[in-house]
Amino acid sequence: SQGHSDAVRRIAGVKDARQYTIPVDSALAA
């Protein structure tokens, strides 16, 4: 998620970051 990655990078002390969105397997199975 480019927007969420950017939100993390804006935190003081963060040099760079990547954020991944991941489906919950049990929810998908249901």
Full PDB file with SEQRES, HELIX, SHEET, SSBOND, CRYST1, ORIGX, SCALE, CONECT and MASTER records, all heavy atoms in Angstrom:
SEQRES   1 A   30  SER GLN GLY HIS SER ASP ALA VAL ARG ARG ILE ALA GLY          
SEQRES   2 A   30  VAL LYS ASP ALA ARG GLN TYR THR ILE PRO VAL ASP SER          
SEQRES   3 A   30  ALA LEU ALA ALA                                              
HELIX    1 AA1 GLN A    2  ARG A    9  1                                   8    
HELIX    2 AA2 ASP A   25  ALA A   29  1                                   5    
CRYST1    1.000    1.000    1.000  90.00  90.00  90.00 P 1           1          
ORIGX1      1.000000  0.000000  0.000000        0.00000                         
ORIGX2      0.000000  1.000000  0.000000        0.00000                         
ORIGX3      0.000000  0.000000  1.000000        0.00000                         
SCALE1      1.000000  0.000000  0.000000        0.00000                         
SCALE2      0.000000  1.000000  0.000000        0.00000                         
SCALE3      0.000000  0.000000  1.000000        0.00000                         
ATOM      1  N   SER A   1       0.862  -1.182   0.000  1.00  0.00           N  
ATOM      2  CA  SER A   1       0.000   0.000   0.000  1.00  0.00           C  
ATOM      3  C   SER A   1       0.894   1.225   0.000  1.00  0.00           C  
ATOM      4  O   SER A   1       1.608   1.490   0.975  1.00  0.00           O  
ATOM      5  CB  SER A   1      -0.909   0.012   1.233  1.00  0.00           C  
ATOM      6  OG  SER A   1      -1.568   1.251   1.336  1.00  0.00           O  
ATOM      7  N   GLN A   2       0.875   1.980  -1.110  1.00  0.00           N  
ATOM      8  CA  GLN A   2       1.765   3.127  -1.217  1.00  0.00           C  
ATOM      9  C   GLN A   2       1.379   4.231  -0.227  1.00  0.00           C  
ATOM     10  O   GLN A   2       2.234   4.895   0.350  1.00  0.00           O  
ATOM     11  CB  GLN A   2       1.755   3.647  -2.651  1.00  0.00           C  
ATOM     12  CG  GLN A   2       2.315   2.625  -3.638  1.00  0.00           C  
ATOM     13  CD  GLN A   2       2.296   3.091  -5.072  1.00  0.00           C  
ATOM     14  OE1 GLN A   2       3.174   3.824  -5.496  1.00  0.00           O  
ATOM     15  NE2 GLN A   2       1.287   2.673  -5.818  1.00  0.00           N  
ATOM     16  N   GLY A   3       0.068   4.437  -0.013  1.00  0.00           N  
ATOM     17  CA  GLY A   3      -0.378   5.457   0.924  1.00  0.00           C  
ATOM     18  C   GLY A   3      -0.006   5.137   2.359  1.00  0.00           C  
ATOM     19  O   GLY A   3       0.434   6.005   3.124  1.00  0.00           O  
ATOM     20  N   HIS A   4      -0.171   3.876   2.759  1.00  0.00           N  
ATOM     21  CA  HIS A   4       0.177   3.477   4.120  1.00  0.00           C  
ATOM     22  C   HIS A   4       1.689   3.488   4.328  1.00  0.00           C  
ATOM     23  O   HIS A   4       2.174   3.834   5.405  1.00  0.00           O  
ATOM     24  CB  HIS A   4      -0.395   2.087   4.422  1.00  0.00           C  
ATOM     25  CG  HIS A   4      -1.871   2.091   4.666  1.00  0.00           C  
ATOM     26  ND1 HIS A   4      -2.780   2.343   3.674  1.00  0.00           N  
ATOM     27  CD2 HIS A   4      -2.590   1.884   5.802  1.00  0.00           C  
ATOM     28  CE1 HIS A   4      -4.004   2.284   4.184  1.00  0.00           C  
ATOM     29  NE2 HIS A   4      -3.906   2.017   5.465  1.00  0.00           N  
ATOM     30  N   SER A   5       2.435   3.111   3.285  1.00  0.00           N  
ATOM     31  CA  SER A   5       3.901   3.172   3.389  1.00  0.00           C  
ATOM     32  C   SER A   5       4.349   4.613   3.613  1.00  0.00           C  
ATOM     33  O   SER A   5       5.247   4.889   4.425  1.00  0.00           O  
ATOM     34  CB  SER A   5       4.540   2.616   2.112  1.00  0.00           C  
ATOM     35  OG  SER A   5       4.206   1.252   1.916  1.00  0.00           O  
ATOM     36  N   ASP A   6       3.721   5.535   2.899  1.00  0.00           N  
ATOM     37  CA  ASP A   6       4.066   6.939   3.050  1.00  0.00           C  
ATOM     38  C   ASP A   6       3.738   7.444   4.452  1.00  0.00           C  
ATOM     39  O   ASP A   6       4.481   8.241   5.038  1.00  0.00           O  
ATOM     40  CB  ASP A   6       3.335   7.769   1.997  1.00  0.00           C  
ATOM     41  CG  ASP A   6       3.715   9.242   2.051  1.00  0.00           C  
ATOM     42  OD1 ASP A   6       4.895   9.550   1.804  1.00  0.00           O  
ATOM     43  OD2 ASP A   6       2.840  10.073   2.332  1.00  0.00           O  
ATOM     44  N   ALA A   7       2.617   6.955   5.002  1.00  0.00           N  
ATOM     45  CA  ALA A   7       2.236   7.373   6.355  1.00  0.00           C  
ATOM     46  C   ALA A   7       3.282   6.940   7.375  1.00  0.00           C  
ATOM     47  O   ALA A   7       3.601   7.685   8.315  1.00  0.00           O  
ATOM     48  CB  ALA A   7       0.873   6.785   6.715  1.00  0.00           C  
ATOM     49  N   VAL A   8       3.843   5.758   7.201  1.00  0.00           N  
ATOM     50  CA  VAL A   8       4.894   5.291   8.111  1.00  0.00           C  
ATOM     51  C   VAL A   8       6.154   6.131   7.935  1.00  0.00           C  
ATOM     52  O   VAL A   8       6.819   6.506   8.914  1.00  0.00           O  
ATOM     53  CB  VAL A   8       5.200   3.798   7.866  1.00  0.00           C  
ATOM     54  CG1 VAL A   8       6.375   3.349   8.736  1.00  0.00           C  
ATOM     55  CG2 VAL A   8       3.979   2.938   8.162  1.00  0.00           C  
ATOM     56  N   ARG A   9       6.499   6.463   6.697  1.00  0.00           N  
ATOM     57  CA  ARG A   9       7.710   7.244   6.443  1.00  0.00           C  
ATOM     58  C   ARG A   9       7.647   8.638   7.063  1.00  0.00           C  
ATOM     59  O   ARG A   9       8.681   9.271   7.281  1.00  0.00           O  
ATOM     60  CB  ARG A   9       7.954   7.351   4.930  1.00  0.00           C  
ATOM     61  CG  ARG A   9       8.482   6.063   4.313  1.00  0.00           C  
ATOM     62  CD  ARG A   9       8.999   6.294   2.911  1.00  0.00           C  
ATOM     63  NE  ARG A   9       7.924   6.546   1.965  1.00  0.00           N  
ATOM     64  CZ  ARG A   9       7.324   5.594   1.240  1.00  0.00           C  
ATOM     65  NH1 ARG A   9       7.679   4.326   1.374  1.00  0.00           N  
ATOM     66  NH2 ARG A   9       6.370   5.912   0.392  1.00  0.00           N  
ATOM     67  N   ARG A  10       6.446   9.126   7.338  1.00  0.00           N  
ATOM     68  CA  ARG A  10       6.297  10.461   7.914  1.00  0.00           C  
ATOM     69  C   ARG A  10       6.508  10.486   9.436  1.00  0.00           C  
ATOM     70  O   ARG A  10       6.527  11.555  10.044  1.00  0.00           O  
ATOM     71  CB  ARG A  10       4.916  11.031   7.570  1.00  0.00           C  
ATOM     72  CG  ARG A  10       4.758  11.321   6.082  1.00  0.00           C  
ATOM     73  CD  ARG A  10       3.338  11.752   5.731  1.00  0.00           C  
ATOM     74  NE  ARG A  10       3.189  11.920   4.287  1.00  0.00           N  
ATOM     75  CZ  ARG A  10       3.415  13.054   3.636  1.00  0.00           C  
ATOM     76  NH1 ARG A  10       3.815  14.121   4.308  1.00  0.00           N  
ATOM     77  NH2 ARG A  10       3.260  13.126   2.334  1.00  0.00           N  
ATOM     78  N   ILE A  11       6.653   9.324  10.045  1.00  0.00           N  
ATOM     79  CA  ILE A  11       6.893   9.262  11.489  1.00  0.00           C  
ATOM     80  C   ILE A  11       8.339   9.665  11.777  1.00  0.00           C  
ATOM     81  O   ILE A  11       9.270   9.242  11.081  1.00  0.00           O  
ATOM     82  CB  ILE A  11       6.619   7.831  12.016  1.00  0.00           C  
ATOM     83  CG1 ILE A  11       5.123   7.503  11.878  1.00  0.00           C  
ATOM     84  CG2 ILE A  11       7.063   7.693  13.468  1.00  0.00           C  
ATOM     85  CD1 ILE A  11       4.785   6.068  12.237  1.00  0.00           C  
ATOM     86  N   ALA A  12       8.528  10.485  12.780  1.00  0.00           N  
ATOM     87  CA  ALA A  12       9.881  10.934  13.151  1.00  0.00           C  
ATOM     88  C   ALA A  12      10.767   9.740  13.460  1.00  0.00           C  
ATOM     89  O   ALA A  12      10.382   8.837  14.214  1.00  0.00           O  
ATOM     90  CB  ALA A  12       9.798  11.866  14.366  1.00  0.00           C  
ATOM     91  N   GLY A  13      11.958   9.743  12.865  1.00  0.00           N  
ATOM     92  CA  GLY A  13      12.908   8.660  13.090  1.00  0.00           C  
ATOM     93  C   GLY A  13      12.862   7.562  12.048  1.00  0.00           C  
ATOM     94  O   GLY A  13      13.714   6.675  12.046  1.00  0.00           O  
ATOM     95  N   VAL A  14      11.865   7.610  11.143  1.00  0.00           N  
ATOM     96  CA  VAL A  14      11.761   6.599  10.076  1.00  0.00           C  
ATOM     97  C   VAL A  14      12.458   7.118   8.829  1.00  0.00           C  
ATOM     98  O   VAL A  14      12.156   8.206   8.334  1.00  0.00           O  
ATOM     99  CB  VAL A  14      10.285   6.258   9.772  1.00  0.00           C  
ATOM    100  CG1 VAL A  14      10.195   5.351   8.549  1.00  0.00           C  
ATOM    101  CG2 VAL A  14       9.644   5.590  10.981  1.00  0.00           C  
ATOM    102  N   LYS A  15      13.373   6.323   8.318  1.00  0.00           N  
ATOM    103  CA  LYS A  15      14.109   6.691   7.115  1.00  0.00           C  
ATOM    104  C   LYS A  15      13.410   6.199   5.857  1.00  0.00           C  
ATOM    105  O   LYS A  15      13.366   6.891   4.840  1.00  0.00           O  
ATOM    106  CB  LYS A  15      15.527   6.116   7.184  1.00  0.00           C  
ATOM    107  CG  LYS A  15      16.462   6.576   6.081  1.00  0.00           C  
ATOM    108  CD  LYS A  15      17.872   6.058   6.332  1.00  0.00           C  
ATOM    109  CE  LYS A  15      18.841   6.564   5.267  1.00  0.00           C  
ATOM    110  NZ  LYS A  15      20.220   6.051   5.518  1.00  0.00           N  
ATOM    111  N   ASP A  16      12.862   4.992   5.909  1.00  0.00           N  
ATOM    112  CA  ASP A  16      12.134   4.431   4.770  1.00  0.00           C  
ATOM    113  C   ASP A  16      11.259   3.300   5.287  1.00  0.00           C  
ATOM    114  O   ASP A  16      11.499   2.763   6.384  1.00  0.00           O  
ATOM    115  CB  ASP A  16      13.102   3.909   3.705  1.00  0.00           C  
ATOM    116  CG  ASP A  16      12.467   3.836   2.314  1.00  0.00           C  
ATOM    117  OD1 ASP A  16      11.232   4.042   2.216  1.00  0.00           O  
ATOM    118  OD2 ASP A  16      13.190   3.569   1.342  1.00  0.00           O  
ATOM    119  N   ALA A  17      10.235   2.924   4.498  1.00  0.00           N  
ATOM    120  CA  ALA A  17       9.324   1.874   4.955  1.00  0.00           C  
ATOM    121  C   ALA A  17       8.480   1.340   3.805  1.00  0.00           C  
ATOM    122  O   ALA A  17       8.232   2.056   2.826  1.00  0.00           O  
ATOM    123  CB  ALA A  17       8.407   2.405   6.066  1.00  0.00           C  
ATOM    124  N   ARG A  18       8.054   0.089   3.951  1.00  0.00           N  
ATOM    125  CA  ARG A  18       7.055  -0.510   3.067  1.00  0.00           C  
ATOM    126  C   ARG A  18       5.990  -1.160   3.940  1.00  0.00           C  
ATOM    127  O   ARG A  18       6.309  -1.791   4.953  1.00  0.00           O  
ATOM    128  CB  ARG A  18       7.657  -1.581   2.157  1.00  0.00           C  
ATOM    129  CG  ARG A  18       8.729  -1.100   1.224  1.00  0.00           C  
ATOM    130  CD  ARG A  18       8.206  -0.208   0.104  1.00  0.00           C  
ATOM    131  NE  ARG A  18       9.285   0.088  -0.829  1.00  0.00           N  
ATOM    132  CZ  ARG A  18      10.209   1.024  -0.639  1.00  0.00           C  
ATOM    133  NH1 ARG A  18      10.164   1.775   0.465  1.00  0.00           N  
ATOM    134  NH2 ARG A  18      11.165   1.225  -1.519  1.00  0.00           N  
ATOM    135  N   GLN A  19       4.735  -1.005   3.525  1.00  0.00           N  
ATOM    136  CA  GLN A  19       3.640  -1.620   4.267  1.00  0.00           C  
ATOM    137  C   GLN A  19       2.870  -2.548   3.347  1.00  0.00           C  
ATOM    138  O   GLN A  19       2.512  -2.177   2.220  1.00  0.00           O  
ATOM    139  CB  GLN A  19       2.711  -0.545   4.833  1.00  0.00           C  
ATOM    140  CG  GLN A  19       1.615  -1.092   5.741  1.00  0.00           C  
ATOM    141  CD  GLN A  19       0.361  -1.489   4.990  1.00  0.00           C  
ATOM    142  OE1 GLN A  19      -0.095  -0.770   4.116  1.00  0.00           O  
ATOM    143  NE2 GLN A  19      -0.205  -2.640   5.304  1.00  0.00           N  
ATOM    144  N   TYR A  20       2.604  -3.756   3.824  1.00  0.00           N  
ATOM    145  CA  TYR A  20       1.857  -4.745   3.058  1.00  0.00           C  
ATOM    146  C   TYR A  20       0.481  -4.970   3.686  1.00  0.00           C  
ATOM    147  O   TYR A  20       0.350  -5.096   4.910  1.00  0.00           O  
ATOM    148  CB  TYR A  20       2.600  -6.085   3.025  1.00  0.00           C  
ATOM    149  CG  TYR A  20       3.894  -6.058   2.248  1.00  0.00           C  
ATOM    150  CD1 TYR A  20       5.073  -5.638   2.850  1.00  0.00           C  
ATOM    151  CD2 TYR A  20       3.937  -6.450   0.915  1.00  0.00           C  
ATOM    152  CE1 TYR A  20       6.266  -5.605   2.144  1.00  0.00           C  
ATOM    153  CE2 TYR A  20       5.130  -6.425   0.193  1.00  0.00           C  
ATOM    154  CZ  TYR A  20       6.284  -5.997   0.818  1.00  0.00           C  
ATOM    155  OH  TYR A  20       7.467  -5.972   0.120  1.00  0.00           O  
ATOM    156  N   THR A  21      -0.537  -5.013   2.828  1.00  0.00           N  
ATOM    157  CA  THR A  21      -1.877  -5.400   3.235  1.00  0.00           C  
ATOM    158  C   THR A  21      -2.048  -6.881   2.924  1.00  0.00           C  
ATOM    159  O   THR A  21      -1.742  -7.326   1.806  1.00  0.00           O  
ATOM    160  CB  THR A  21      -2.932  -4.574   2.482  1.00  0.00           C  
ATOM    161  OG1 THR A  21      -2.718  -3.191   2.749  1.00  0.00           O  
ATOM    162  CG2 THR A  21      -4.339  -4.964   2.905  1.00  0.00           C  
ATOM    163  N   ILE A  22      -2.546  -7.652   3.905  1.00  0.00           N  
ATOM    164  CA  ILE A  22      -2.594  -9.111   3.780  1.00  0.00           C  
ATOM    165  C   ILE A  22      -3.980  -9.610   4.161  1.00  0.00           C  
ATOM    166  O   ILE A  22      -4.456  -9.344   5.275  1.00  0.00           O  
ATOM    167  CB  ILE A  22      -1.547  -9.773   4.692  1.00  0.00           C  
ATOM    168  CG1 ILE A  22      -0.148  -9.188   4.408  1.00  0.00           C  
ATOM    169  CG2 ILE A  22      -1.544 -11.288   4.509  1.00  0.00           C  
ATOM    170  CD1 ILE A  22       0.883  -9.539   5.458  1.00  0.00           C  
ATOM    171  N   PRO A  23      -4.681 -10.346   3.283  1.00  0.00           N  
ATOM    172  CA  PRO A  23      -5.972 -10.926   3.665  1.00  0.00           C  
ATOM    173  C   PRO A  23      -5.808 -11.969   4.769  1.00  0.00           C  
ATOM    174  O   PRO A  23      -4.799 -12.677   4.824  1.00  0.00           O  
ATOM    175  CB  PRO A  23      -6.457 -11.590   2.364  1.00  0.00           C  
ATOM    176  CG  PRO A  23      -5.672 -10.954   1.277  1.00  0.00           C  
ATOM    177  CD  PRO A  23      -4.348 -10.606   1.876  1.00  0.00           C  
ATOM    178  N   VAL A  24      -6.794 -12.068   5.649  1.00  0.00           N  
ATOM    179  CA  VAL A  24      -6.799 -13.085   6.698  1.00  0.00           C  
ATOM    180  C   VAL A  24      -7.311 -14.388   6.094  1.00  0.00           C  
ATOM    181  O   VAL A  24      -8.432 -14.447   5.582  1.00  0.00           O  
ATOM    182  CB  VAL A  24      -7.671 -12.641   7.883  1.00  0.00           C  
ATOM    183  CG1 VAL A  24      -7.796 -13.760   8.915  1.00  0.00           C  
ATOM    184  CG2 VAL A  24      -7.097 -11.378   8.532  1.00  0.00           C  
ATOM    185  N   ASP A  25      -6.495 -15.424   6.149  1.00  0.00           N  
ATOM    186  CA  ASP A  25      -6.827 -16.692   5.491  1.00  0.00           C  
ATOM    187  C   ASP A  25      -8.137 -17.296   5.987  1.00  0.00           C  
ATOM    188  O   ASP A  25      -8.927 -17.817   5.202  1.00  0.00           O  
ATOM    189  CB  ASP A  25      -5.692 -17.703   5.694  1.00  0.00           C  
ATOM    190  CG  ASP A  25      -4.442 -17.363   4.884  1.00  0.00           C  
ATOM    191  OD1 ASP A  25      -4.573 -16.615   3.892  1.00  0.00           O  
ATOM    192  OD2 ASP A  25      -3.345 -17.831   5.252  1.00  0.00           O  
ATOM    193  N   SER A  26      -8.375 -17.214   7.290  1.00  0.00           N  
ATOM    194  CA  SER A  26      -9.588 -17.829   7.847  1.00  0.00           C  
ATOM    195  C   SER A  26     -10.843 -17.117   7.360  1.00  0.00           C  
ATOM    196  O   SER A  26     -11.885 -17.747   7.110  1.00  0.00           O  
ATOM    197  CB  SER A  26      -9.541 -17.834   9.375  1.00  0.00           C  
ATOM    198  OG  SER A  26      -9.410 -16.511   9.876  1.00  0.00           O  
ATOM    199  N   ALA A  27     -10.761 -15.792   7.218  1.00  0.00           N  
ATOM    200  CA  ALA A  27     -11.915 -15.041   6.719  1.00  0.00           C  
ATOM    201  C   ALA A  27     -12.195 -15.396   5.269  1.00  0.00           C  
ATOM    202  O   ALA A  27     -13.350 -15.604   4.873  1.00  0.00           O  
ATOM    203  CB  ALA A  27     -11.643 -13.544   6.847  1.00  0.00           C  
ATOM    204  N   LEU A  28     -11.138 -15.468   4.456  1.00  0.00           N  
ATOM    205  CA  LEU A  28     -11.304 -15.838   3.058  1.00  0.00           C  
ATOM    206  C   LEU A  28     -11.858 -17.251   2.928  1.00  0.00           C  
ATOM    207  O   LEU A  28     -12.739 -17.504   2.095  1.00  0.00           O  
ATOM    208  CB  LEU A  28      -9.955 -15.722   2.339  1.00  0.00           C  
ATOM    209  CG  LEU A  28      -9.918 -16.013   0.847  1.00  0.00           C  
ATOM    210  CD1 LEU A  28     -10.903 -15.146   0.083  1.00  0.00           C  
ATOM    211  CD2 LEU A  28      -8.501 -15.801   0.313  1.00  0.00           C  
ATOM    212  N   ALA A  29     -11.392 -18.164   3.764  1.00  0.00           N  
ATOM    213  CA  ALA A  29     -11.888 -19.547   3.718  1.00  0.00           C  
ATOM    214  C   ALA A  29     -13.372 -19.610   4.064  1.00  0.00           C  
ATOM    215  O   ALA A  29     -14.135 -20.375   3.453  1.00  0.00           O  
ATOM    216  CB  ALA A  29     -11.079 -20.412   4.677  1.00  0.00           C  
ATOM    217  N   ALA A  30     -13.806 -18.790   5.012  1.00  0.00           N  
ATOM    218  CA  ALA A  30     -15.221 -18.780   5.403  1.00  0.00           C  
ATOM    219  C   ALA A  30     -16.102 -18.271   4.267  1.00  0.00           C  
ATOM    220  O   ALA A  30     -17.203 -18.788   4.028  1.00  0.00           O  
ATOM    221  CB  ALA A  30     -15.408 -17.924   6.649  1.00  0.00           C  
TER     222      ALA A  30                                                      
MASTER        0    0    0    2    0    0    0    6  221    1    0    3          
END                                                                             
